[in-house]
N, C-alpha and C. Protein backbone atom coordinates (compact mmCIF):
# COMPACT_ATOMS: atom_id res chain seq x y z
N MET A 1 -9.67 1.65 17.48
CA MET A 1 -8.95 1.54 16.23
C MET A 1 -8.44 2.94 15.86
N ALA A 2 -7.15 3.07 15.64
CA ALA A 2 -6.54 4.34 15.22
C ALA A 2 -6.81 4.57 13.74
N ASP A 3 -6.63 5.83 13.32
CA ASP A 3 -6.86 6.19 11.93
C ASP A 3 -5.56 6.44 11.18
N ILE A 4 -5.54 6.10 9.91
CA ILE A 4 -4.48 6.51 8.98
C ILE A 4 -5.14 7.52 8.06
N THR A 5 -4.58 8.74 8.04
CA THR A 5 -5.26 9.82 7.32
C THR A 5 -4.51 10.32 6.09
N SER A 6 -3.41 9.68 5.75
CA SER A 6 -2.71 10.08 4.53
C SER A 6 -2.11 8.85 3.85
N ALA A 7 -1.91 8.97 2.56
CA ALA A 7 -1.30 7.87 1.80
C ALA A 7 0.12 7.62 2.28
N ILE A 8 0.80 8.67 2.77
CA ILE A 8 2.16 8.52 3.29
C ILE A 8 2.15 7.61 4.51
N ASP A 9 1.22 7.85 5.43
CA ASP A 9 1.12 7.00 6.62
C ASP A 9 0.77 5.56 6.25
N PHE A 10 -0.10 5.42 5.26
CA PHE A 10 -0.47 4.10 4.76
C PHE A 10 0.77 3.36 4.24
N LEU A 11 1.55 4.04 3.41
CA LEU A 11 2.76 3.46 2.86
C LEU A 11 3.77 3.12 3.95
N LYS A 12 3.95 4.02 4.91
CA LYS A 12 4.90 3.78 6.00
C LYS A 12 4.52 2.54 6.80
N LYS A 13 3.22 2.38 7.07
CA LYS A 13 2.77 1.21 7.83
C LYS A 13 3.11 -0.07 7.08
N ILE A 14 2.88 -0.08 5.78
CA ILE A 14 3.19 -1.27 4.99
C ILE A 14 4.69 -1.51 4.97
N LYS A 15 5.48 -0.44 4.80
CA LYS A 15 6.93 -0.59 4.71
C LYS A 15 7.57 -1.04 6.02
N GLU A 16 7.02 -0.63 7.17
CA GLU A 16 7.67 -0.93 8.43
C GLU A 16 7.33 -2.31 8.98
N GLU A 17 6.43 -3.02 8.34
CA GLU A 17 6.02 -4.35 8.80
C GLU A 17 6.50 -5.42 7.81
N ASP A 18 6.67 -6.65 8.31
CA ASP A 18 6.97 -7.76 7.40
C ASP A 18 5.80 -7.99 6.45
N PHE A 19 4.59 -7.86 6.99
CA PHE A 19 3.39 -7.97 6.18
C PHE A 19 2.26 -7.24 6.90
N VAL A 20 1.23 -6.89 6.14
CA VAL A 20 0.01 -6.30 6.70
C VAL A 20 -1.18 -6.99 6.04
N THR A 21 -2.33 -6.81 6.64
CA THR A 21 -3.56 -7.28 6.05
C THR A 21 -4.42 -6.04 5.77
N VAL A 22 -4.95 -5.95 4.56
CA VAL A 22 -5.79 -4.81 4.21
C VAL A 22 -7.15 -5.31 3.73
N LYS A 23 -8.18 -4.51 4.04
CA LYS A 23 -9.52 -4.80 3.53
C LYS A 23 -9.90 -3.63 2.63
N PHE A 24 -10.30 -3.94 1.40
CA PHE A 24 -10.67 -2.90 0.46
C PHE A 24 -11.75 -3.41 -0.49
N THR A 25 -12.35 -2.46 -1.21
CA THR A 25 -13.35 -2.80 -2.21
C THR A 25 -12.68 -2.79 -3.58
N LYS A 26 -12.80 -3.91 -4.28
CA LYS A 26 -12.21 -4.04 -5.60
C LYS A 26 -13.01 -3.22 -6.61
N GLN A 27 -12.44 -3.06 -7.79
CA GLN A 27 -13.07 -2.28 -8.84
C GLN A 27 -14.45 -2.82 -9.22
N ASP A 28 -14.62 -4.13 -9.13
CA ASP A 28 -15.91 -4.72 -9.48
C ASP A 28 -16.94 -4.64 -8.35
N GLY A 29 -16.55 -4.02 -7.23
CA GLY A 29 -17.47 -3.82 -6.11
C GLY A 29 -17.40 -4.87 -5.03
N THR A 30 -16.65 -5.95 -5.24
CA THR A 30 -16.53 -6.98 -4.21
C THR A 30 -15.48 -6.56 -3.19
N GLU A 31 -15.65 -7.05 -1.96
CA GLU A 31 -14.68 -6.75 -0.91
C GLU A 31 -13.58 -7.79 -0.92
N ARG A 32 -12.40 -7.36 -0.54
CA ARG A 32 -11.24 -8.25 -0.54
C ARG A 32 -10.43 -8.02 0.71
N ILE A 33 -9.98 -9.08 1.35
CA ILE A 33 -9.02 -9.00 2.45
C ILE A 33 -7.75 -9.66 1.94
N MET A 34 -6.64 -8.92 2.00
CA MET A 34 -5.39 -9.37 1.41
C MET A 34 -4.24 -9.23 2.39
N LYS A 35 -3.45 -10.28 2.49
CA LYS A 35 -2.20 -10.25 3.27
C LYS A 35 -1.10 -9.86 2.28
N CYS A 36 -0.44 -8.73 2.54
CA CYS A 36 0.51 -8.22 1.55
C CYS A 36 1.76 -7.63 2.21
N THR A 37 2.75 -7.34 1.37
CA THR A 37 4.02 -6.80 1.85
C THR A 37 4.68 -5.93 0.79
N LEU A 38 5.63 -5.13 1.25
CA LEU A 38 6.59 -4.44 0.38
C LEU A 38 8.01 -4.82 0.79
N ASN A 39 8.12 -5.78 1.69
CA ASN A 39 9.41 -6.26 2.18
C ASN A 39 10.00 -7.24 1.16
N PHE A 40 11.06 -6.82 0.48
CA PHE A 40 11.64 -7.66 -0.58
C PHE A 40 12.15 -8.99 -0.05
N ASP A 41 12.46 -9.09 1.25
CA ASP A 41 12.89 -10.36 1.82
C ASP A 41 11.77 -11.39 1.81
N LYS A 42 10.52 -10.94 1.74
CA LYS A 42 9.36 -11.83 1.73
C LYS A 42 8.86 -12.13 0.32
N ILE A 43 9.46 -11.49 -0.67
CA ILE A 43 9.04 -11.64 -2.06
C ILE A 43 10.03 -12.54 -2.80
N PRO A 44 9.55 -13.56 -3.50
CA PRO A 44 10.47 -14.44 -4.23
C PRO A 44 11.36 -13.63 -5.19
N GLN A 45 12.60 -14.05 -5.29
CA GLN A 45 13.60 -13.34 -6.11
C GLN A 45 13.08 -13.03 -7.52
N GLU A 46 12.44 -14.01 -8.15
CA GLU A 46 11.98 -13.83 -9.53
C GLU A 46 10.81 -12.85 -9.64
N GLN A 47 10.16 -12.54 -8.51
CA GLN A 47 9.03 -11.61 -8.50
C GLN A 47 9.44 -10.18 -8.14
N ARG A 48 10.66 -10.02 -7.66
CA ARG A 48 11.12 -8.68 -7.26
C ARG A 48 11.37 -7.81 -8.49
N PRO A 49 11.01 -6.53 -8.41
CA PRO A 49 11.30 -5.64 -9.54
C PRO A 49 12.81 -5.48 -9.72
N LYS A 50 13.22 -5.35 -10.95
CA LYS A 50 14.65 -5.17 -11.24
C LYS A 50 15.12 -3.79 -10.79
N LYS A 51 14.21 -2.81 -10.89
CA LYS A 51 14.50 -1.48 -10.38
C LYS A 51 13.20 -0.85 -9.93
N VAL A 52 13.30 0.15 -9.07
CA VAL A 52 12.13 0.87 -8.59
C VAL A 52 12.22 2.29 -9.12
N ASP A 53 11.28 2.65 -9.97
CA ASP A 53 11.22 3.99 -10.54
C ASP A 53 10.31 4.83 -9.66
N LEU A 54 10.92 5.63 -8.77
CA LEU A 54 10.15 6.41 -7.81
C LEU A 54 9.17 7.38 -8.46
N ILE A 55 9.57 7.95 -9.59
CA ILE A 55 8.69 8.89 -10.28
C ILE A 55 7.45 8.15 -10.79
N GLN A 56 7.65 6.97 -11.34
CA GLN A 56 6.52 6.17 -11.84
C GLN A 56 5.60 5.77 -10.68
N VAL A 57 6.18 5.37 -9.55
CA VAL A 57 5.39 5.01 -8.38
C VAL A 57 4.59 6.22 -7.90
N LEU A 58 5.26 7.37 -7.82
CA LEU A 58 4.61 8.61 -7.39
C LEU A 58 3.45 8.98 -8.31
N ASN A 59 3.69 8.92 -9.61
CA ASN A 59 2.63 9.25 -10.58
C ASN A 59 1.43 8.32 -10.45
N LEU A 60 1.69 7.02 -10.26
CA LEU A 60 0.61 6.05 -10.11
C LEU A 60 -0.23 6.37 -8.88
N ILE A 61 0.43 6.71 -7.79
CA ILE A 61 -0.29 7.03 -6.56
C ILE A 61 -1.04 8.35 -6.70
N GLN A 62 -0.37 9.37 -7.20
CA GLN A 62 -1.02 10.68 -7.31
C GLN A 62 -2.15 10.69 -8.33
N ASN A 63 -1.93 10.09 -9.48
CA ASN A 63 -2.92 10.15 -10.55
C ASN A 63 -4.06 9.14 -10.39
N ASN A 64 -3.75 7.98 -9.85
CA ASN A 64 -4.74 6.90 -9.79
C ASN A 64 -5.10 6.47 -8.38
N GLY A 65 -4.35 6.93 -7.36
CA GLY A 65 -4.61 6.52 -5.99
C GLY A 65 -4.35 5.05 -5.75
N ILE A 66 -3.35 4.51 -6.46
CA ILE A 66 -3.07 3.07 -6.39
C ILE A 66 -1.63 2.82 -5.93
N LEU A 67 -1.47 1.83 -5.07
CA LEU A 67 -0.14 1.36 -4.67
C LEU A 67 -0.06 -0.12 -5.00
N HIS A 68 1.04 -0.54 -5.60
CA HIS A 68 1.25 -1.96 -5.87
C HIS A 68 1.91 -2.60 -4.66
N VAL A 69 1.35 -3.73 -4.24
CA VAL A 69 1.88 -4.50 -3.12
C VAL A 69 1.96 -5.95 -3.54
N PHE A 70 2.75 -6.73 -2.81
CA PHE A 70 2.88 -8.14 -3.13
C PHE A 70 1.92 -8.94 -2.25
N ASP A 71 1.00 -9.66 -2.90
CA ASP A 71 0.01 -10.50 -2.21
C ASP A 71 0.70 -11.80 -1.81
N LEU A 72 0.82 -12.02 -0.50
CA LEU A 72 1.55 -13.18 0.01
C LEU A 72 0.78 -14.49 -0.16
N GLU A 73 -0.52 -14.43 -0.35
CA GLU A 73 -1.30 -15.65 -0.52
C GLU A 73 -1.41 -16.05 -2.00
N LYS A 74 -1.51 -15.07 -2.88
CA LYS A 74 -1.58 -15.36 -4.32
C LYS A 74 -0.20 -15.37 -4.96
N ASN A 75 0.81 -14.94 -4.19
CA ASN A 75 2.19 -14.92 -4.65
C ASN A 75 2.33 -14.11 -5.95
N ALA A 76 1.71 -12.91 -5.93
CA ALA A 76 1.72 -12.05 -7.12
C ALA A 76 1.52 -10.59 -6.69
N TRP A 77 1.93 -9.69 -7.57
CA TRP A 77 1.72 -8.27 -7.33
C TRP A 77 0.26 -7.91 -7.57
N ARG A 78 -0.27 -7.06 -6.71
CA ARG A 78 -1.65 -6.60 -6.82
C ARG A 78 -1.71 -5.10 -6.58
N SER A 79 -2.78 -4.48 -7.06
CA SER A 79 -3.00 -3.05 -6.88
C SER A 79 -3.97 -2.82 -5.72
N VAL A 80 -3.65 -1.85 -4.88
CA VAL A 80 -4.54 -1.47 -3.79
C VAL A 80 -4.97 -0.03 -4.01
N PRO A 81 -6.27 0.22 -4.17
CA PRO A 81 -6.76 1.59 -4.33
C PRO A 81 -6.93 2.25 -2.96
N PHE A 82 -6.13 3.29 -2.67
CA PHE A 82 -6.18 3.95 -1.37
C PHE A 82 -7.59 4.33 -0.95
N GLU A 83 -8.32 4.94 -1.85
CA GLU A 83 -9.62 5.50 -1.50
C GLU A 83 -10.67 4.44 -1.21
N LYS A 84 -10.36 3.18 -1.49
CA LYS A 84 -11.33 2.12 -1.25
C LYS A 84 -10.87 1.15 -0.17
N VAL A 85 -9.82 1.53 0.56
CA VAL A 85 -9.33 0.69 1.66
C VAL A 85 -10.11 1.04 2.92
N GLU A 86 -10.65 0.02 3.57
CA GLU A 86 -11.40 0.24 4.81
C GLU A 86 -10.47 0.23 6.02
N TRP A 87 -9.57 -0.77 6.08
CA TRP A 87 -8.63 -0.84 7.19
C TRP A 87 -7.35 -1.56 6.78
N LEU A 88 -6.33 -1.34 7.60
CA LEU A 88 -5.03 -2.00 7.47
C LEU A 88 -4.71 -2.57 8.84
N GLU A 89 -4.29 -3.82 8.89
CA GLU A 89 -3.99 -4.46 10.17
C GLU A 89 -2.53 -4.88 10.22
N THR A 90 -1.87 -4.54 11.31
CA THR A 90 -0.48 -4.95 11.55
C THR A 90 -0.47 -5.79 12.82
N GLN A 91 0.70 -6.20 13.24
CA GLN A 91 0.81 -6.94 14.50
C GLN A 91 0.45 -6.06 15.69
N LEU A 92 0.50 -4.74 15.50
CA LEU A 92 0.18 -3.80 16.58
C LEU A 92 -1.31 -3.50 16.68
N GLY A 93 -2.08 -3.86 15.66
CA GLY A 93 -3.51 -3.61 15.69
C GLY A 93 -4.06 -3.19 14.35
N ARG A 94 -5.31 -2.77 14.38
CA ARG A 94 -6.02 -2.39 13.16
C ARG A 94 -6.14 -0.87 13.09
N PHE A 95 -5.97 -0.35 11.88
CA PHE A 95 -6.02 1.08 11.62
C PHE A 95 -7.09 1.35 10.57
N ALA A 96 -8.02 2.24 10.89
CA ALA A 96 -9.04 2.66 9.92
C ALA A 96 -8.36 3.60 8.92
N ILE A 97 -8.72 3.47 7.65
CA ILE A 97 -8.14 4.30 6.60
C ILE A 97 -9.11 5.43 6.28
N LYS A 98 -8.64 6.65 6.42
CA LYS A 98 -9.45 7.84 6.16
C LYS A 98 -8.68 8.73 5.19
N ILE A 99 -8.53 8.26 3.96
CA ILE A 99 -7.74 8.97 2.96
C ILE A 99 -8.66 9.53 1.90
N GLY A 100 -8.59 10.84 1.69
CA GLY A 100 -9.36 11.47 0.63
C GLY A 100 -8.50 11.71 -0.59
N LYS A 101 -9.14 11.98 -1.71
CA LYS A 101 -8.43 12.25 -2.95
C LYS A 101 -7.53 13.46 -2.79
N GLY A 102 -6.33 13.38 -3.31
CA GLY A 102 -5.40 14.50 -3.27
C GLY A 102 -4.68 14.68 -1.95
N MET A 103 -4.69 13.68 -1.08
CA MET A 103 -4.04 13.83 0.22
C MET A 103 -2.58 13.42 0.20
N LEU A 104 -1.98 13.40 -0.97
CA LEU A 104 -0.59 12.98 -1.09
C LEU A 104 0.18 14.02 -1.87
N ALA A 105 1.12 14.67 -1.20
CA ALA A 105 1.96 15.66 -1.87
C ALA A 105 3.21 14.98 -2.39
N GLY A 106 3.64 15.33 -3.59
CA GLY A 106 4.77 14.67 -4.24
C GLY A 106 6.05 14.68 -3.43
N LYS A 107 6.47 15.83 -2.93
CA LYS A 107 7.72 15.90 -2.17
C LYS A 107 7.64 15.09 -0.89
N GLU A 108 6.50 15.15 -0.20
CA GLU A 108 6.33 14.37 1.02
C GLU A 108 6.43 12.87 0.72
N PHE A 109 5.81 12.47 -0.37
CA PHE A 109 5.82 11.05 -0.73
C PHE A 109 7.25 10.58 -1.03
N LEU A 110 7.99 11.35 -1.81
CA LEU A 110 9.37 10.95 -2.13
C LEU A 110 10.21 10.85 -0.87
N LYS A 111 10.05 11.78 0.04
CA LYS A 111 10.79 11.71 1.31
C LYS A 111 10.44 10.45 2.07
N ALA A 112 9.15 10.10 2.09
CA ALA A 112 8.70 8.89 2.79
C ALA A 112 9.30 7.64 2.16
N LEU A 113 9.35 7.60 0.85
CA LEU A 113 9.92 6.44 0.16
C LEU A 113 11.41 6.29 0.43
N LEU A 114 12.10 7.41 0.54
CA LEU A 114 13.54 7.36 0.68
C LEU A 114 14.01 7.11 2.10
N LYS A 115 13.10 7.15 3.08
CA LYS A 115 13.46 6.91 4.48
C LYS A 115 13.75 5.46 4.71
């Protein structure tokens, strides 16, 4: 199993796939496995954001370590806490998540989002 060591790599993996599966620990301490996406083609029109505020997304990730993703099974937006993700699985395989607090630089993140 390969490692993902930055929030940027985590985001890129989610963005480059139609969907991914992630395993993480929820705030209440329970474990969750979620099939999710950031691919707007997989998200119902009425659930898509009207606009994406990159600064707000960046602040949420930097300040709280959270990325919002669309849960394909619950058909709703959910929050994923980077620091509590155990693994991310794509069609290419499973990746262990090794992300520590503060491993996301603002300029790097914006560049990753804009690619």
